[in-house]
Structures are given as structure tokens and as C-alpha cells.
Amino acid sequence: MTAPAGCLSLAQEYLRATLAASAAWQSECNADDADAAKERIYQHGLPAPADGEAHTKEELMGYRPYAVVFTAEERGFTRTFEAGGDRFEFDQHGRLTLRLYRNSPDNQADEPTADANLTFFNLVGEIMDEMSELAGGAGYLAFHTIGLLEGPYWSHPKLAETEGIWQGVDLLVEW
């Protein structure tokens, strides 16, 4: 696996570390610590499928819960030169998308129940709260905004047979 390097990948890596340190995320992943929770957070997407073609339902269900971190398509990264007095430096900022997925623990008719959706929404809120407390600490992303970009949403009933029943949310993190 390629190690993160440079301003784009390192920002994503710091966001991975921030999410991994969240107790709510660790609990959702049944992880003993941040290192174990970080194993379920990927940059850009999941690893290649075992058969090289497409992930099986079992593979996808085995990955969940998982997160994917990627640079937002619009205004994802900006570096600006700033000079003042004897200070010359670049300021950089950007926008990252954090996509969270989990298997639905309670379903009916190939969709999550209302209670499963509320439980997921509560989990996402806890994760956002905890990440906000960690922001800017040593090794964590110094972000100034976190919010819902899309969702929560869930798999279409027609996908239940090939992907299982899952829930997801996209968060926008501006740093």
C-alpha cells in the first residue's frame, strides 16, 4: 500500500486519524483502539475486489462499517501565497468528503427500519461531535467546518441481493 505524502494525501490521512480516534467510530467498528479503527477507513475507495472484477455481497458486508475519505470535487484544495512584514508563506485549505457506511442492523422489506435510521443518525452526530473536539490536536486535521453533505441514505431495495442492506452518509469537512 502506498504511503500518503504531499499536501493532498496528508490532509486525507489526518482526517483518517481524526475519525479513527472517535470513540463512537471505534465502537461501531468493534475496534479496541484507533489503530484498529483506522483499518476501516480508506483513501479514495475500497481495496480491489478479490476476483478483480466486482465486490461480492459477502465482501461488501465484511468491509462494513467502513469510511472513505477523498478530496471534494469542487474547491478541494487551494494554496495561497501570503506575505506580511518579514513573513513569506503559503496558506492552504481545502474540502474533504468523508463517506460512512454500515450494514443496517434492523430492516424490513429490504430497507432499514425507522429506528435503524435514527440510531445511525445518532451515531453520525456522535462522530461529528467527537471529531470536532479532536480537530487541530496533534496528528489530527485542523478543520473549521463539518456538516452533512448528503444523507443519511440507504441502499435501494433492488441492491439488497447483491450488496446487502446498508446505510450511508456523506460529510463535508472544510479545513
C-alpha atoms as a PDB file:
ATOM      1  CA  MET A   1       0.000   0.000   0.000  1.00  0.00           C
ATOM      2  CA  THR A   2       1.319   3.426  -0.942  1.00  0.00           C
ATOM      3  CA  ALA A   3       2.054   5.729   1.990  1.00  0.00           C
ATOM      4  CA  PRO A   4       0.415   9.185   1.994  1.00  0.00           C
ATOM      5  CA  ALA A   5       2.763  12.013   1.013  1.00  0.00           C
ATOM      6  CA  GLY A   6       2.271  15.618  -0.020  1.00  0.00           C
ATOM      7  CA  CYS A   7      -0.368  18.149   0.901  1.00  0.00           C
ATOM      8  CA  LEU A   8      -3.364  16.381  -0.671  1.00  0.00           C
ATOM      9  CA  SER A   9      -2.868  12.874   0.698  1.00  0.00           C
ATOM     10  CA  LEU A  10      -1.659  14.077   4.090  1.00  0.00           C
ATOM     11  CA  ALA A  11      -4.810  16.142   4.664  1.00  0.00           C
ATOM     12  CA  GLN A  12      -6.837  12.991   3.998  1.00  0.00           C
ATOM     13  CA  GLU A  13      -4.571  10.999   6.296  1.00  0.00           C
ATOM     14  CA  TYR A  14      -5.069  13.497   9.144  1.00  0.00           C
ATOM     15  CA  LEU A  15      -8.830  13.189   8.658  1.00  0.00           C
ATOM     16  CA  ARG A  16      -8.481   9.397   8.816  1.00  0.00           C
ATOM     17  CA  ALA A  17      -6.612   9.749  12.121  1.00  0.00           C
ATOM     18  CA  THR A  18      -9.279  12.109  13.476  1.00  0.00           C
ATOM     19  CA  LEU A  19     -12.117   9.718  12.651  1.00  0.00           C
ATOM     20  CA  ALA A  20     -10.161   6.723  13.964  1.00  0.00           C
ATOM     21  CA  ALA A  21      -9.742   8.476  17.338  1.00  0.00           C
ATOM     22  CA  SER A  22     -13.529   8.853  17.704  1.00  0.00           C
ATOM     23  CA  ALA A  23     -14.817   6.536  20.428  1.00  0.00           C
ATOM     24  CA  ALA A  24     -18.163   6.264  18.604  1.00  0.00           C
ATOM     25  CA  TRP A  25     -16.409   5.123  15.397  1.00  0.00           C
ATOM     26  CA  GLN A  26     -14.249   2.665  17.345  1.00  0.00           C
ATOM     27  CA  SER A  27     -17.345   1.232  18.999  1.00  0.00           C
ATOM     28  CA  GLU A  28     -19.171   0.913  15.664  1.00  0.00           C
ATOM     29  CA  CYS A  29     -16.159  -0.966  14.256  1.00  0.00           C
ATOM     30  CA  ASN A  30     -15.744  -3.140  17.370  1.00  0.00           C
ATOM     31  CA  ALA A  31     -12.171  -1.833  17.414  1.00  0.00           C
ATOM     32  CA  ASP A  32     -10.001  -1.919  20.518  1.00  0.00           C
ATOM     33  CA  ASP A  33      -8.194   1.279  19.619  1.00  0.00           C
ATOM     34  CA  ALA A  34      -7.654   3.981  16.994  1.00  0.00           C
ATOM     35  CA  ASP A  35      -5.177   1.864  15.014  1.00  0.00           C
ATOM     36  CA  ALA A  36      -7.731  -0.917  14.601  1.00  0.00           C
ATOM     37  CA  ALA A  37     -10.487   1.577  13.738  1.00  0.00           C
ATOM     38  CA  LYS A  38      -8.231   3.251  11.150  1.00  0.00           C
ATOM     39  CA  GLU A  39      -8.018  -0.053   9.253  1.00  0.00           C
ATOM     40  CA  ARG A  40     -11.651   0.517   8.250  1.00  0.00           C
ATOM     41  CA  ILE A  41     -11.007   3.990   6.811  1.00  0.00           C
ATOM     42  CA  TYR A  42      -9.824   4.118   3.205  1.00  0.00           C
ATOM     43  CA  GLN A  43      -8.480   6.883   0.998  1.00  0.00           C
ATOM     44  CA  HIS A  44     -10.406   7.185  -2.289  1.00  0.00           C
ATOM     45  CA  GLY A  45     -12.213   3.834  -2.178  1.00  0.00           C
ATOM     46  CA  LEU A  46     -12.202   0.219  -1.108  1.00  0.00           C
ATOM     47  CA  PRO A  47      -9.390  -2.166  -1.994  1.00  0.00           C
ATOM     48  CA  ALA A  48      -9.798  -4.072  -5.261  1.00  0.00           C
ATOM     49  CA  PRO A  49     -12.266  -6.967  -5.188  1.00  0.00           C
ATOM     50  CA  ALA A  50     -10.859 -10.439  -4.588  1.00  0.00           C
ATOM     51  CA  ASP A  51     -11.827 -11.605  -8.079  1.00  0.00           C
ATOM     52  CA  GLY A  52     -10.530  -8.422  -9.716  1.00  0.00           C
ATOM     53  CA  GLU A  53     -13.967  -7.694 -11.210  1.00  0.00           C
ATOM     54  CA  ALA A  54     -16.587  -6.712  -8.629  1.00  0.00           C
ATOM     55  CA  HIS A  55     -17.017  -6.935  -4.870  1.00  0.00           C
ATOM     56  CA  THR A  56     -19.318  -9.712  -3.760  1.00  0.00           C
ATOM     57  CA  LYS A  57     -22.131  -9.151  -1.300  1.00  0.00           C
ATOM     58  CA  GLU A  58     -20.092 -11.009   1.324  1.00  0.00           C
ATOM     59  CA  GLU A  59     -17.034  -8.808   0.694  1.00  0.00           C
ATOM     60  CA  LEU A  60     -19.059  -5.610   0.979  1.00  0.00           C
ATOM     61  CA  MET A  61     -20.841  -6.755   4.109  1.00  0.00           C
ATOM     62  CA  GLY A  62     -17.482  -7.777   5.591  1.00  0.00           C
ATOM     63  CA  TYR A  63     -15.987  -4.350   4.944  1.00  0.00           C
ATOM     64  CA  ARG A  64     -18.853  -2.544   6.650  1.00  0.00           C
ATOM     65  CA  PRO A  65     -18.690  -0.492   8.715  1.00  0.00           C
ATOM     66  CA  TYR A  66     -16.159   1.481   6.739  1.00  0.00           C
ATOM     67  CA  ALA A  67     -15.341   5.019   5.721  1.00  0.00           C
ATOM     68  CA  VAL A  68     -13.877   6.520   2.572  1.00  0.00           C
ATOM     69  CA  VAL A  69     -12.024   9.843   2.598  1.00  0.00           C
ATOM     70  CA  PHE A  70     -11.466  11.825  -0.584  1.00  0.00           C
ATOM     71  CA  THR A  71     -10.861  15.380  -1.719  1.00  0.00           C
ATOM     72  CA  ALA A  72     -14.074  17.165  -2.682  1.00  0.00           C
ATOM     73  CA  GLU A  73     -14.597  17.636  -6.420  1.00  0.00           C
ATOM     74  CA  GLU A  74     -15.227  21.371  -6.108  1.00  0.00           C
ATOM     75  CA  ARG A  75     -12.718  23.611  -4.332  1.00  0.00           C
ATOM     76  CA  GLY A  76     -10.962  20.562  -2.942  1.00  0.00           C
ATOM     77  CA  PHE A  77      -7.620  22.259  -2.355  1.00  0.00           C
ATOM     78  CA  THR A  78      -6.204  25.769  -2.539  1.00  0.00           C
ATOM     79  CA  ARG A  79      -2.751  27.080  -1.696  1.00  0.00           C
ATOM     80  CA  THR A  80      -2.339  30.852  -1.422  1.00  0.00           C
ATOM     81  CA  PHE A  81       0.890  32.793  -1.044  1.00  0.00           C
ATOM     82  CA  GLU A  82       0.840  35.268   1.827  1.00  0.00           C
ATOM     83  CA  ALA A  83       3.443  37.857   2.676  1.00  0.00           C
ATOM     84  CA  GLY A  84       3.483  40.219   5.622  1.00  0.00           C
ATOM     85  CA  GLY A  85       6.491  42.037   7.016  1.00  0.00           C
ATOM     86  CA  ASP A  86       9.302  39.510   7.029  1.00  0.00           C
ATOM     87  CA  ARG A  87       6.898  36.564   6.789  1.00  0.00           C
ATOM     88  CA  PHE A  88       6.519  34.725   3.487  1.00  0.00           C
ATOM     89  CA  GLU A  89       4.485  31.539   3.447  1.00  0.00           C
ATOM     90  CA  PHE A  90       1.704  29.639   1.793  1.00  0.00           C
ATOM     91  CA  ASP A  91      -1.671  29.216   3.413  1.00  0.00           C
ATOM     92  CA  GLN A  92      -3.552  26.123   2.336  1.00  0.00           C
ATOM     93  CA  HIS A  93      -7.082  24.971   2.846  1.00  0.00           C
ATOM     94  CA  GLY A  94      -9.475  22.525   1.302  1.00  0.00           C
ATOM     95  CA  ARG A  95     -12.598  20.452   1.423  1.00  0.00           C
ATOM     96  CA  LEU A  96     -12.741  16.729   2.062  1.00  0.00           C
ATOM     97  CA  THR A  97     -15.623  14.320   1.803  1.00  0.00           C
ATOM     98  CA  LEU A  98     -15.968  11.666   4.472  1.00  0.00           C
ATOM     99  CA  ARG A  99     -18.334   8.879   3.452  1.00  0.00           C
ATOM    100  CA  LEU A 100     -19.503   6.492   6.197  1.00  0.00           C
ATOM    101  CA  TYR A 101     -21.223   3.141   5.590  1.00  0.00           C
ATOM    102  CA  ARG A 102     -22.592   0.428   7.829  1.00  0.00           C
ATOM    103  CA  ASN A 103     -24.750  -2.671   7.448  1.00  0.00           C
ATOM    104  CA  SER A 104     -28.298  -1.994   8.555  1.00  0.00           C
ATOM    105  CA  PRO A 105     -28.835  -3.800  11.873  1.00  0.00           C
ATOM    106  CA  ASP A 106     -32.621  -3.807  11.561  1.00  0.00           C
ATOM    107  CA  ASN A 107     -34.556  -3.986   8.291  1.00  0.00           C
ATOM    108  CA  GLN A 108     -37.969  -4.511   6.906  1.00  0.00           C
ATOM    109  CA  ALA A 109     -38.870  -5.088   3.247  1.00  0.00           C
ATOM    110  CA  ASP A 110     -35.235  -4.601   2.128  1.00  0.00           C
ATOM    111  CA  GLU A 111     -34.888  -1.163   3.768  1.00  0.00           C
ATOM    112  CA  PRO A 112     -33.680  -0.045   7.202  1.00  0.00           C
ATOM    113  CA  THR A 113     -36.394   0.494   9.777  1.00  0.00           C
ATOM    114  CA  ALA A 114     -37.087   3.991  11.107  1.00  0.00           C
ATOM    115  CA  ASP A 115     -35.344   3.045  14.357  1.00  0.00           C
ATOM    116  CA  ALA A 116     -32.244   1.821  12.481  1.00  0.00           C
ATOM    117  CA  ASN A 117     -32.123   5.151  10.637  1.00  0.00           C
ATOM    118  CA  LEU A 118     -32.457   7.145  13.873  1.00  0.00           C
ATOM    119  CA  THR A 119     -29.742   5.037  15.502  1.00  0.00           C
ATOM    120  CA  PHE A 120     -27.463   5.692  12.521  1.00  0.00           C
ATOM    121  CA  PHE A 121     -28.243   9.424  12.608  1.00  0.00           C
ATOM    122  CA  ASN A 122     -27.381   9.463  16.336  1.00  0.00           C
ATOM    123  CA  LEU A 123     -24.098   7.655  15.603  1.00  0.00           C
ATOM    124  CA  VAL A 124     -23.153  10.143  12.887  1.00  0.00           C
ATOM    125  CA  GLY A 125     -23.898  13.023  15.262  1.00  0.00           C
ATOM    126  CA  GLU A 126     -21.695  11.490  17.964  1.00  0.00           C
ATOM    127  CA  ILE A 127     -18.867  11.019  15.462  1.00  0.00           C
ATOM    128  CA  MET A 128     -19.179  14.648  14.321  1.00  0.00           C
ATOM    129  CA  ASP A 129     -19.157  15.858  17.957  1.00  0.00           C
ATOM    130  CA  GLU A 130     -16.080  13.812  18.847  1.00  0.00           C
ATOM    131  CA  MET A 131     -14.177  14.762  15.694  1.00  0.00           C
ATOM    132  CA  SER A 132     -14.902  18.426  16.429  1.00  0.00           C
ATOM    133  CA  GLU A 133     -13.355  18.035  19.891  1.00  0.00           C
ATOM    134  CA  LEU A 134     -10.236  16.451  18.361  1.00  0.00           C
ATOM    135  CA  ALA A 135      -9.816  18.912  15.467  1.00  0.00           C
ATOM    136  CA  GLY A 136      -6.445  20.611  15.440  1.00  0.00           C
ATOM    137  CA  GLY A 137      -4.900  18.361  18.077  1.00  0.00           C
ATOM    138  CA  ALA A 138      -1.553  16.717  17.411  1.00  0.00           C
ATOM    139  CA  GLY A 139      -1.860  14.382  14.418  1.00  0.00           C
ATOM    140  CA  TYR A 140      -5.470  15.358  13.674  1.00  0.00           C
ATOM    141  CA  LEU A 141      -6.903  17.511  10.903  1.00  0.00           C
ATOM    142  CA  ALA A 142      -7.389  21.152  11.902  1.00  0.00           C
ATOM    143  CA  PHE A 143     -10.786  21.641  10.299  1.00  0.00           C
ATOM    144  CA  HIS A 144     -13.155  24.549  10.858  1.00  0.00           C
ATOM    145  CA  THR A 145     -16.394  23.120   9.403  1.00  0.00           C
ATOM    146  CA  ILE A 146     -18.053  19.717   9.404  1.00  0.00           C
ATOM    147  CA  GLY A 147     -21.544  19.100   8.118  1.00  0.00           C
ATOM    148  CA  LEU A 148     -23.919  16.807   6.285  1.00  0.00           C
ATOM    149  CA  LEU A 149     -23.300  16.872   2.568  1.00  0.00           C
ATOM    150  CA  GLU A 150     -25.719  14.098   1.670  1.00  0.00           C
ATOM    151  CA  GLY A 151     -27.802  11.676   3.624  1.00  0.00           C
ATOM    152  CA  PRO A 152     -28.266   9.764   5.616  1.00  0.00           C
ATOM    153  CA  TYR A 153     -29.293   7.414   2.820  1.00  0.00           C
ATOM    154  CA  TRP A 154     -29.552   3.676   2.349  1.00  0.00           C
ATOM    155  CA  SER A 155     -29.260   1.053  -0.342  1.00  0.00           C
ATOM    156  CA  HIS A 156     -32.007   0.670  -2.880  1.00  0.00           C
ATOM    157  CA  PRO A 157     -34.135  -2.439  -2.226  1.00  0.00           C
ATOM    158  CA  LYS A 158     -33.043  -3.875  -5.600  1.00  0.00           C
ATOM    159  CA  LEU A 159     -29.431  -3.903  -4.349  1.00  0.00           C
ATOM    160  CA  ALA A 160     -30.187  -5.966  -1.230  1.00  0.00           C
ATOM    161  CA  GLU A 161     -29.497  -9.202  -3.088  1.00  0.00           C
ATOM    162  CA  THR A 162     -26.069  -8.110  -4.400  1.00  0.00           C
ATOM    163  CA  GLU A 163     -24.880  -5.640  -1.714  1.00  0.00           C
ATOM    164  CA  GLY A 164     -26.905  -6.326   1.405  1.00  0.00           C
ATOM    165  CA  ILE A 165     -28.849  -3.610   3.171  1.00  0.00           C
ATOM    166  CA  TRP A 166     -26.674  -0.697   4.182  1.00  0.00           C
ATOM    167  CA  GLN A 167     -26.845   2.869   5.432  1.00  0.00           C
ATOM    168  CA  GLY A 168     -24.566   5.727   4.453  1.00  0.00           C
ATOM    169  CA  VAL A 169     -23.872   9.415   4.883  1.00  0.00           C
ATOM    170  CA  ASP A 170     -21.515  11.918   3.258  1.00  0.00           C
ATOM    171  CA  LEU A 171     -19.922  14.551   5.476  1.00  0.00           C
ATOM    172  CA  LEU A 172     -18.166  17.660   4.172  1.00  0.00           C
ATOM    173  CA  VAL A 173     -15.090  18.663   6.157  1.00  0.00           C
ATOM    174  CA  GLU A 174     -13.535  22.053   5.413  1.00  0.00           C
ATOM    175  CA  TRP A 175     -10.048  22.755   6.700  1.00  0.00           C
END
